[in-house]
C-alpha atoms as a PDB file:
ATOM      1  CA  MET A   1      18.614  20.052 -32.585  1.00  0.00           C
ATOM      2  CA  SER A   2      21.227  23.127 -32.727  1.00  0.00           C
ATOM      3  CA  LYS A   3      19.293  24.196 -36.049  1.00  0.00           C
ATOM      4  CA  LEU A   4      16.111  24.345 -35.124  1.00  0.00           C
ATOM      5  CA  GLY A   5      16.034  25.311 -31.375  1.00  0.00           C
ATOM      6  CA  GLY A   6      15.081  23.302 -28.445  1.00  0.00           C
ATOM      7  CA  ARG A   7      11.269  24.431 -29.060  1.00  0.00           C
ATOM      8  CA  ARG A   8      10.813  23.313 -32.271  1.00  0.00           C
ATOM      9  CA  PHE A   9      12.900  20.128 -32.098  1.00  0.00           C
ATOM     10  CA  PHE A  10      10.753  19.023 -29.319  1.00  0.00           C
ATOM     11  CA  GLN A  11       7.623  19.938 -31.027  1.00  0.00           C
ATOM     12  CA  VAL A  12       8.328  17.691 -33.819  1.00  0.00           C
ATOM     13  CA  LEU A  13      10.256  14.726 -31.548  1.00  0.00           C
ATOM     14  CA  PRO A  14       8.763  15.488 -27.721  1.00  0.00           C
ATOM     15  CA  LEU A  15      10.650  13.167 -25.129  1.00  0.00           C
ATOM     16  CA  ARG A  16       7.846  10.481 -23.956  1.00  0.00           C
ATOM     17  CA  LEU A  17       9.741   9.517 -20.792  1.00  0.00           C
ATOM     18  CA  ASN A  18       6.573   8.540 -18.583  1.00  0.00           C
ATOM     19  CA  GLU A  19       4.447   6.287 -21.004  1.00  0.00           C
ATOM     20  CA  PHE A  20       6.320   3.525 -21.474  1.00  0.00           C
ATOM     21  CA  ASP A  21       7.223   1.327 -18.887  1.00  0.00           C
ATOM     22  CA  LEU A  22      11.069   1.281 -17.830  1.00  0.00           C
ATOM     23  CA  ASN A  23      11.711  -2.533 -18.242  1.00  0.00           C
ATOM     24  CA  SER A  24      10.710  -2.152 -21.648  1.00  0.00           C
ATOM     25  CA  LEU A  25      13.398  -3.853 -23.724  1.00  0.00           C
ATOM     26  CA  THR A  26      12.578  -0.769 -26.754  1.00  0.00           C
ATOM     27  CA  TYR A  27      12.181   2.055 -24.319  1.00  0.00           C
ATOM     28  CA  SER A  28      15.236   3.767 -25.268  1.00  0.00           C
ATOM     29  CA  GLN A  29      13.534   3.991 -28.705  1.00  0.00           C
ATOM     30  CA  ASP A  30       9.919   4.451 -27.752  1.00  0.00           C
ATOM     31  CA  SER A  31      10.336   7.120 -24.944  1.00  0.00           C
ATOM     32  CA  ARG A  32      13.428   9.027 -27.188  1.00  0.00           C
ATOM     33  CA  SER A  33      14.968   8.710 -24.101  1.00  0.00           C
ATOM     34  CA  TRP A  34      18.315   8.433 -26.256  1.00  0.00           C
ATOM     35  CA  LEU A  35      17.875  12.519 -26.894  1.00  0.00           C
ATOM     36  CA  LEU A  36      19.149  13.153 -23.559  1.00  0.00           C
ATOM     37  CA  THR A  37      22.525  11.990 -24.412  1.00  0.00           C
ATOM     38  CA  ILE A  38      22.777  14.506 -27.414  1.00  0.00           C
ATOM     39  CA  ILE A  39      21.402  17.435 -25.870  1.00  0.00           C
ATOM     40  CA  PRO A  40      24.546  18.957 -23.888  1.00  0.00           C
ATOM     41  CA  LYS A  41      26.182  18.923 -27.649  1.00  0.00           C
ATOM     42  CA  HIS A  42      23.629  20.481 -29.842  1.00  0.00           C
ATOM     43  CA  LEU A  43      21.237  22.138 -28.247  1.00  0.00           C
ATOM     44  CA  SER A  44      22.588  25.453 -26.189  1.00  0.00           C
ATOM     45  CA  ILE A  45      21.154  27.656 -24.227  1.00  0.00           C
ATOM     46  CA  ASP A  46      19.607  31.083 -25.697  1.00  0.00           C
ATOM     47  CA  ALA A  47      17.251  33.755 -25.045  1.00  0.00           C
ATOM     48  CA  ASN A  48      14.677  31.673 -24.945  1.00  0.00           C
ATOM     49  CA  LEU A  49      14.926  30.333 -21.250  1.00  0.00           C
ATOM     50  CA  ASP A  50      11.572  29.412 -20.761  1.00  0.00           C
ATOM     51  CA  PHE A  51      11.198  27.180 -22.531  1.00  0.00           C
ATOM     52  CA  TYR A  52      13.765  24.887 -20.810  1.00  0.00           C
ATOM     53  CA  VAL A  53      11.371  25.700 -17.480  1.00  0.00           C
ATOM     54  CA  GLU A  54       8.440  25.014 -19.085  1.00  0.00           C
ATOM     55  CA  TYR A  55       9.205  21.569 -20.966  1.00  0.00           C
ATOM     56  CA  PHE A  56      12.168  20.141 -19.178  1.00  0.00           C
ATOM     57  CA  LEU A  57      11.182  20.839 -15.707  1.00  0.00           C
ATOM     58  CA  PRO A  58       7.022  19.407 -15.489  1.00  0.00           C
ATOM     59  CA  ALA A  59       9.771  15.914 -17.150  1.00  0.00           C
ATOM     60  CA  VAL A  60      12.407  16.311 -14.388  1.00  0.00           C
ATOM     61  CA  LEU A  61       9.615  16.442 -11.757  1.00  0.00           C
ATOM     62  CA  SER A  62       7.302  13.591 -12.756  1.00  0.00           C
ATOM     63  CA  LEU A  63      10.593  11.686 -12.879  1.00  0.00           C
ATOM     64  CA  ASP A  64      11.474  11.967  -9.950  1.00  0.00           C
ATOM     65  CA  LYS A  65       7.733  11.394  -8.946  1.00  0.00           C
ATOM     66  CA  MET A  66       7.862   8.188 -10.466  1.00  0.00           C
ATOM     67  CA  ARG A  67      11.045   7.391  -8.853  1.00  0.00           C
ATOM     68  CA  GLU A  68      10.052   8.331  -5.417  1.00  0.00           C
ATOM     69  CA  LEU A  69       6.786   6.090  -5.803  1.00  0.00           C
ATOM     70  CA  GLU A  70       8.620   3.146  -7.107  1.00  0.00           C
ATOM     71  CA  ASN A  71      11.083   3.566  -3.709  1.00  0.00           C
ATOM     72  CA  LYS A  72       8.304   3.758  -1.449  1.00  0.00           C
ATOM     73  CA  SER A  73       6.266   0.701  -3.035  1.00  0.00           C
ATOM     74  CA  ARG A  74       5.792  -2.512  -1.224  1.00  0.00           C
ATOM     75  CA  ASN A  75       6.640  -4.022  -4.312  1.00  0.00           C
ATOM     76  CA  GLY A  76       8.746  -1.750  -5.635  1.00  0.00           C
ATOM     77  CA  SER A  77      11.494  -2.613  -8.335  1.00  0.00           C
ATOM     78  CA  LYS A  78      15.272  -1.353  -7.195  1.00  0.00           C
ATOM     79  CA  ILE A  79      15.979  -1.700 -10.489  1.00  0.00           C
ATOM     80  CA  LYS A  80      13.187   0.408 -11.584  1.00  0.00           C
ATOM     81  CA  VAL A  81      14.566   3.013  -9.178  1.00  0.00           C
ATOM     82  CA  LYS A  82      18.347   2.739 -10.503  1.00  0.00           C
ATOM     83  CA  LYS A  83      16.500   3.619 -14.090  1.00  0.00           C
ATOM     84  CA  TYR A  84      14.697   6.710 -12.660  1.00  0.00           C
ATOM     85  CA  GLU A  85      17.793   7.878 -10.965  1.00  0.00           C
ATOM     86  CA  THR A  86      19.680   7.637 -14.319  1.00  0.00           C
ATOM     87  CA  LEU A  87      17.355   9.508 -16.156  1.00  0.00           C
ATOM     88  CA  LEU A  88      17.347  12.535 -13.605  1.00  0.00           C
ATOM     89  CA  MET A  89      21.205  12.716 -14.100  1.00  0.00           C
END
């Protein structure tokens, strides 16, 4: 990640946070959410700030929207809401 830079790394191995059910036993592997834990250590913010805004902002907004929908739903799961909040941290 630090060698390729953010743009190239996430072209090869994109995050897929909203493509799988949060309650799936393989969510971490399928969505690649485990990458979120290593980003601060291995990806430095460089002159390409536009990439971070283009790539991560839509993902954050989408997760926040899904959290709100789950929270407002009559059949919503409090566990899923907490999982969305954890992903947003």
